Amino acid sequence: MNDQEFDGTAEGLGGHSLPERDTPLYNHPLPLLEDWLRSMGGRQRGPHSCQWDLHQPQWSALLELEVEELKVSWSQDGRQSVRHFPYGLSRADVEAAILAGP
């Protein structure tokens, strides 16, 4: 676990505890999903936006909180990869997949 990552007992940026890491994303209230995205270094594109930017040394990604899933579009060396993660997946699995990159 890195310094920015929350575990099940840590408080989110809004002062509320995130559910355990193995909890499906659909069991996370929206403010806690936003806290989680911030903890990974994500930046919301605008107030009340469902789009988030995440930059890592080797790649960047656009994360979109859609109705049925989290859409992640990675860019690396001029190439783009897109994956869709249903909210039924655990936060730990989705976080690992996102941070693994394209």
N, C-alpha and C. Protein backbone atom coordinates (compact mmCIF):
# COMPACT_ATOMS: atom_id res chain seq x y z
N MET A 1 0.85 -1.17 0.00
CA MET A 1 0.00 0.00 0.00
C MET A 1 0.89 1.23 0.00
N ASN A 2 0.62 2.19 -0.93
CA ASN A 2 1.44 3.38 -0.96
C ASN A 2 0.86 4.45 -0.05
N ASP A 3 1.58 5.57 0.10
CA ASP A 3 1.16 6.62 1.02
C ASP A 3 -0.17 7.24 0.67
N GLN A 4 -0.53 7.24 -0.60
CA GLN A 4 -1.77 7.88 -1.02
C GLN A 4 -2.96 6.93 -1.01
N GLU A 5 -2.74 5.67 -0.81
CA GLU A 5 -3.79 4.67 -0.92
C GLU A 5 -4.51 4.53 0.41
N PHE A 6 -5.83 4.41 0.34
CA PHE A 6 -6.62 4.21 1.54
C PHE A 6 -6.80 2.73 1.81
N ASP A 7 -6.86 2.35 3.07
CA ASP A 7 -7.30 1.00 3.39
C ASP A 7 -8.70 1.11 3.98
N GLY A 8 -9.27 0.02 4.43
CA GLY A 8 -10.64 0.04 4.92
C GLY A 8 -10.84 0.82 6.19
N THR A 9 -9.79 1.15 6.89
CA THR A 9 -9.94 1.87 8.15
C THR A 9 -9.58 3.35 8.04
N ALA A 10 -8.98 3.74 6.92
CA ALA A 10 -8.57 5.13 6.76
C ALA A 10 -9.78 6.00 6.44
N GLU A 11 -9.64 7.27 6.76
CA GLU A 11 -10.69 8.20 6.43
C GLU A 11 -10.42 8.80 5.07
N GLY A 12 -11.49 8.98 4.30
CA GLY A 12 -11.39 9.65 3.02
C GLY A 12 -11.12 11.13 3.24
N LEU A 13 -10.89 11.84 2.16
CA LEU A 13 -10.59 13.26 2.25
C LEU A 13 -11.76 14.04 2.82
N GLY A 14 -12.97 13.53 2.67
CA GLY A 14 -14.15 14.19 3.20
C GLY A 14 -14.42 13.83 4.65
N GLY A 15 -13.54 13.05 5.28
CA GLY A 15 -13.71 12.69 6.67
C GLY A 15 -14.51 11.42 6.90
N HIS A 16 -14.94 10.76 5.85
CA HIS A 16 -15.70 9.52 5.98
C HIS A 16 -14.79 8.34 5.62
N SER A 17 -15.00 7.21 6.27
CA SER A 17 -14.19 6.03 6.00
C SER A 17 -14.65 5.34 4.73
N LEU A 18 -13.68 4.94 3.94
CA LEU A 18 -13.99 4.13 2.77
C LEU A 18 -14.33 2.72 3.22
N PRO A 19 -15.19 2.04 2.47
CA PRO A 19 -15.43 0.62 2.76
C PRO A 19 -14.13 -0.18 2.57
N GLU A 20 -14.13 -1.41 3.02
CA GLU A 20 -12.97 -2.28 2.82
C GLU A 20 -12.59 -2.32 1.35
N ARG A 21 -11.30 -2.57 1.08
CA ARG A 21 -10.79 -2.56 -0.30
C ARG A 21 -11.46 -3.60 -1.20
N ASP A 22 -11.95 -4.69 -0.61
CA ASP A 22 -12.59 -5.72 -1.43
C ASP A 22 -14.08 -5.46 -1.67
N THR A 23 -14.56 -4.30 -1.27
CA THR A 23 -15.96 -3.94 -1.45
C THR A 23 -16.20 -3.49 -2.89
N PRO A 24 -17.28 -3.96 -3.52
CA PRO A 24 -17.59 -3.52 -4.89
C PRO A 24 -17.76 -1.99 -4.94
N LEU A 25 -17.40 -1.42 -6.06
CA LEU A 25 -17.51 0.02 -6.22
C LEU A 25 -18.95 0.51 -6.04
N TYR A 26 -19.95 -0.31 -6.40
CA TYR A 26 -21.34 0.15 -6.26
C TYR A 26 -21.75 0.33 -4.81
N ASN A 27 -20.95 -0.12 -3.85
CA ASN A 27 -21.23 0.10 -2.43
C ASN A 27 -20.49 1.31 -1.87
N HIS A 28 -19.94 2.13 -2.73
CA HIS A 28 -19.24 3.36 -2.33
C HIS A 28 -20.12 4.55 -2.71
N PRO A 29 -20.48 5.40 -1.76
CA PRO A 29 -21.19 6.62 -2.14
C PRO A 29 -20.30 7.48 -3.05
N LEU A 30 -20.92 8.28 -3.89
CA LEU A 30 -20.17 9.10 -4.85
C LEU A 30 -19.07 9.94 -4.20
N PRO A 31 -19.33 10.62 -3.07
CA PRO A 31 -18.23 11.41 -2.47
C PRO A 31 -17.01 10.56 -2.10
N LEU A 32 -17.23 9.31 -1.71
CA LEU A 32 -16.09 8.45 -1.37
C LEU A 32 -15.39 7.94 -2.62
N LEU A 33 -16.14 7.72 -3.70
CA LEU A 33 -15.49 7.37 -4.96
C LEU A 33 -14.59 8.53 -5.42
N GLU A 34 -15.09 9.74 -5.25
CA GLU A 34 -14.28 10.91 -5.60
C GLU A 34 -13.04 11.02 -4.72
N ASP A 35 -13.18 10.76 -3.43
CA ASP A 35 -12.02 10.76 -2.53
C ASP A 35 -11.00 9.71 -2.97
N TRP A 36 -11.48 8.55 -3.35
CA TRP A 36 -10.61 7.47 -3.80
C TRP A 36 -9.83 7.89 -5.05
N LEU A 37 -10.54 8.49 -6.01
CA LEU A 37 -9.86 8.94 -7.22
C LEU A 37 -8.80 10.00 -6.90
N ARG A 38 -9.12 10.89 -5.98
CA ARG A 38 -8.12 11.89 -5.56
C ARG A 38 -6.92 11.22 -4.90
N SER A 39 -7.17 10.17 -4.13
CA SER A 39 -6.07 9.49 -3.42
C SER A 39 -5.08 8.85 -4.39
N MET A 40 -5.55 8.53 -5.59
CA MET A 40 -4.67 7.97 -6.62
C MET A 40 -3.98 9.06 -7.43
N GLY A 41 -4.30 10.31 -7.13
CA GLY A 41 -3.70 11.41 -7.86
C GLY A 41 -4.60 11.99 -8.94
N GLY A 42 -5.85 11.53 -8.99
CA GLY A 42 -6.78 12.02 -10.00
C GLY A 42 -7.21 13.45 -9.73
N ARG A 43 -7.47 14.17 -10.81
CA ARG A 43 -7.96 15.55 -10.72
C ARG A 43 -9.26 15.65 -11.51
N GLN A 44 -10.28 16.12 -10.83
CA GLN A 44 -11.58 16.28 -11.47
C GLN A 44 -11.50 17.40 -12.50
N ARG A 45 -12.09 17.19 -13.67
CA ARG A 45 -11.98 18.16 -14.76
C ARG A 45 -12.74 19.45 -14.48
N GLY A 46 -13.72 19.42 -13.64
CA GLY A 46 -14.49 20.61 -13.31
C GLY A 46 -15.44 20.28 -12.19
N PRO A 47 -16.05 21.30 -11.60
CA PRO A 47 -17.00 21.02 -10.52
C PRO A 47 -18.14 20.15 -11.03
N HIS A 48 -18.46 19.15 -10.29
CA HIS A 48 -19.56 18.23 -10.60
C HIS A 48 -19.32 17.42 -11.87
N SER A 49 -18.07 17.36 -12.32
CA SER A 49 -17.75 16.60 -13.53
C SER A 49 -17.59 15.12 -13.19
N CYS A 50 -17.96 14.28 -14.14
CA CYS A 50 -17.76 12.84 -13.98
C CYS A 50 -16.45 12.40 -14.62
N GLN A 51 -15.67 13.35 -15.11
CA GLN A 51 -14.40 13.05 -15.77
C GLN A 51 -13.23 13.46 -14.89
N TRP A 52 -12.24 12.55 -14.83
CA TRP A 52 -11.06 12.75 -13.99
C TRP A 52 -9.82 12.47 -14.82
N ASP A 53 -8.78 13.24 -14.60
CA ASP A 53 -7.49 13.02 -15.24
C ASP A 53 -6.52 12.42 -14.23
N LEU A 54 -5.77 11.44 -14.69
CA LEU A 54 -4.76 10.79 -13.86
C LEU A 54 -3.47 10.72 -14.67
N HIS A 55 -2.38 11.23 -14.11
CA HIS A 55 -1.10 11.24 -14.81
C HIS A 55 -0.06 10.45 -14.02
N GLN A 56 0.61 9.56 -14.72
CA GLN A 56 1.71 8.78 -14.18
C GLN A 56 2.92 9.03 -15.08
N PRO A 57 4.13 8.69 -14.63
CA PRO A 57 5.32 8.98 -15.46
C PRO A 57 5.26 8.35 -16.87
N GLN A 58 4.71 7.16 -17.00
CA GLN A 58 4.71 6.46 -18.29
C GLN A 58 3.44 6.63 -19.11
N TRP A 59 2.36 7.11 -18.48
CA TRP A 59 1.07 7.21 -19.18
C TRP A 59 0.17 8.23 -18.49
N SER A 60 -0.90 8.57 -19.17
CA SER A 60 -1.95 9.39 -18.58
C SER A 60 -3.28 8.70 -18.88
N ALA A 61 -4.30 9.05 -18.10
CA ALA A 61 -5.59 8.39 -18.29
C ALA A 61 -6.73 9.37 -18.02
N LEU A 62 -7.81 9.16 -18.74
CA LEU A 62 -9.07 9.83 -18.48
C LEU A 62 -9.99 8.80 -17.86
N LEU A 63 -10.48 9.08 -16.66
CA LEU A 63 -11.41 8.20 -15.97
C LEU A 63 -12.79 8.85 -16.02
N GLU A 64 -13.79 8.08 -16.41
CA GLU A 64 -15.15 8.60 -16.52
C GLU A 64 -16.10 7.76 -15.69
N LEU A 65 -16.75 8.40 -14.74
CA LEU A 65 -17.75 7.73 -13.92
C LEU A 65 -19.05 7.69 -14.72
N GLU A 66 -19.30 6.57 -15.38
CA GLU A 66 -20.50 6.42 -16.20
C GLU A 66 -21.60 5.76 -15.37
N VAL A 67 -22.77 5.59 -15.96
CA VAL A 67 -23.93 5.06 -15.24
C VAL A 67 -23.69 3.62 -14.77
N GLU A 68 -23.17 2.78 -15.63
CA GLU A 68 -23.03 1.36 -15.33
C GLU A 68 -21.61 0.90 -15.04
N GLU A 69 -20.63 1.76 -15.30
CA GLU A 69 -19.24 1.33 -15.19
C GLU A 69 -18.30 2.52 -15.13
N LEU A 70 -17.06 2.22 -14.77
CA LEU A 70 -15.98 3.20 -14.80
C LEU A 70 -15.21 2.96 -16.10
N LYS A 71 -15.17 3.97 -16.94
CA LYS A 71 -14.45 3.88 -18.21
C LYS A 71 -13.08 4.52 -18.03
N VAL A 72 -12.03 3.81 -18.45
CA VAL A 72 -10.67 4.32 -18.34
C VAL A 72 -10.05 4.31 -19.73
N SER A 73 -9.57 5.48 -20.14
CA SER A 73 -8.90 5.64 -21.43
C SER A 73 -7.47 6.08 -21.16
N TRP A 74 -6.52 5.16 -21.40
CA TRP A 74 -5.11 5.46 -21.18
C TRP A 74 -4.48 5.99 -22.46
N SER A 75 -3.52 6.89 -22.32
CA SER A 75 -2.72 7.36 -23.44
C SER A 75 -1.26 7.13 -23.10
N GLN A 76 -0.56 6.53 -24.05
CA GLN A 76 0.88 6.28 -23.85
C GLN A 76 1.54 6.25 -25.22
N ASP A 77 2.54 7.07 -25.39
CA ASP A 77 3.31 7.11 -26.64
C ASP A 77 2.42 7.25 -27.87
N GLY A 78 1.39 8.08 -27.78
CA GLY A 78 0.51 8.31 -28.92
C GLY A 78 -0.54 7.24 -29.15
N ARG A 79 -0.55 6.22 -28.33
CA ARG A 79 -1.55 5.15 -28.46
C ARG A 79 -2.58 5.29 -27.36
N GLN A 80 -3.80 4.82 -27.64
CA GLN A 80 -4.85 4.88 -26.64
C GLN A 80 -5.43 3.48 -26.42
N SER A 81 -5.67 3.15 -25.15
CA SER A 81 -6.32 1.90 -24.75
C SER A 81 -7.52 2.26 -23.89
N VAL A 82 -8.62 1.59 -24.12
CA VAL A 82 -9.85 1.86 -23.35
C VAL A 82 -10.32 0.56 -22.72
N ARG A 83 -10.69 0.66 -21.44
CA ARG A 83 -11.28 -0.49 -20.73
C ARG A 83 -12.46 0.00 -19.91
N HIS A 84 -13.38 -0.89 -19.69
CA HIS A 84 -14.59 -0.58 -18.91
C HIS A 84 -14.62 -1.50 -17.69
N PHE A 85 -14.80 -0.92 -16.52
CA PHE A 85 -14.82 -1.68 -15.27
C PHE A 85 -16.20 -1.55 -14.63
N PRO A 86 -16.97 -2.64 -14.60
CA PRO A 86 -18.29 -2.59 -13.96
C PRO A 86 -18.15 -2.25 -12.48
N TYR A 87 -19.12 -1.54 -11.95
CA TYR A 87 -19.11 -1.15 -10.54
C TYR A 87 -19.23 -2.35 -9.60
N GLY A 88 -19.49 -3.53 -10.13
CA GLY A 88 -19.53 -4.74 -9.31
C GLY A 88 -18.15 -5.25 -8.93
N LEU A 89 -17.10 -4.74 -9.58
CA LEU A 89 -15.73 -5.13 -9.23
C LEU A 89 -15.30 -4.43 -7.95
N SER A 90 -14.36 -5.05 -7.26
CA SER A 90 -13.88 -4.45 -6.00
C SER A 90 -13.01 -3.23 -6.29
N ARG A 91 -12.96 -2.33 -5.33
CA ARG A 91 -12.11 -1.15 -5.44
C ARG A 91 -10.65 -1.57 -5.60
N ALA A 92 -10.22 -2.59 -4.87
CA ALA A 92 -8.83 -3.04 -4.94
C ALA A 92 -8.50 -3.53 -6.36
N ASP A 93 -9.39 -4.32 -6.95
CA ASP A 93 -9.13 -4.84 -8.30
C ASP A 93 -9.10 -3.73 -9.34
N VAL A 94 -10.04 -2.79 -9.23
CA VAL A 94 -10.09 -1.71 -10.21
C VAL A 94 -8.87 -0.80 -10.04
N GLU A 95 -8.50 -0.50 -8.82
CA GLU A 95 -7.32 0.34 -8.58
C GLU A 95 -6.07 -0.32 -9.14
N ALA A 96 -5.91 -1.60 -8.90
CA ALA A 96 -4.73 -2.31 -9.42
C ALA A 96 -4.70 -2.28 -10.94
N ALA A 97 -5.85 -2.47 -11.57
CA ALA A 97 -5.92 -2.45 -13.03
C ALA A 97 -5.62 -1.06 -13.58
N ILE A 98 -6.16 -0.04 -12.96
CA ILE A 98 -5.91 1.33 -13.41
C ILE A 98 -4.44 1.66 -13.30
N LEU A 99 -3.85 1.42 -12.14
CA LEU A 99 -2.46 1.79 -11.91
C LEU A 99 -1.47 0.94 -12.66
N ALA A 100 -1.90 -0.24 -13.13
CA ALA A 100 -1.03 -1.08 -13.96
C ALA A 100 -0.82 -0.43 -15.32
N GLY A 101 -1.74 0.44 -15.71
CA GLY A 101 -1.62 1.15 -16.97
C GLY A 101 -2.12 0.33 -18.14
N PRO A 102 -1.88 0.88 -19.32
CA PRO A 102 -2.42 0.23 -20.55
C PRO A 102 -1.74 -1.10 -20.84
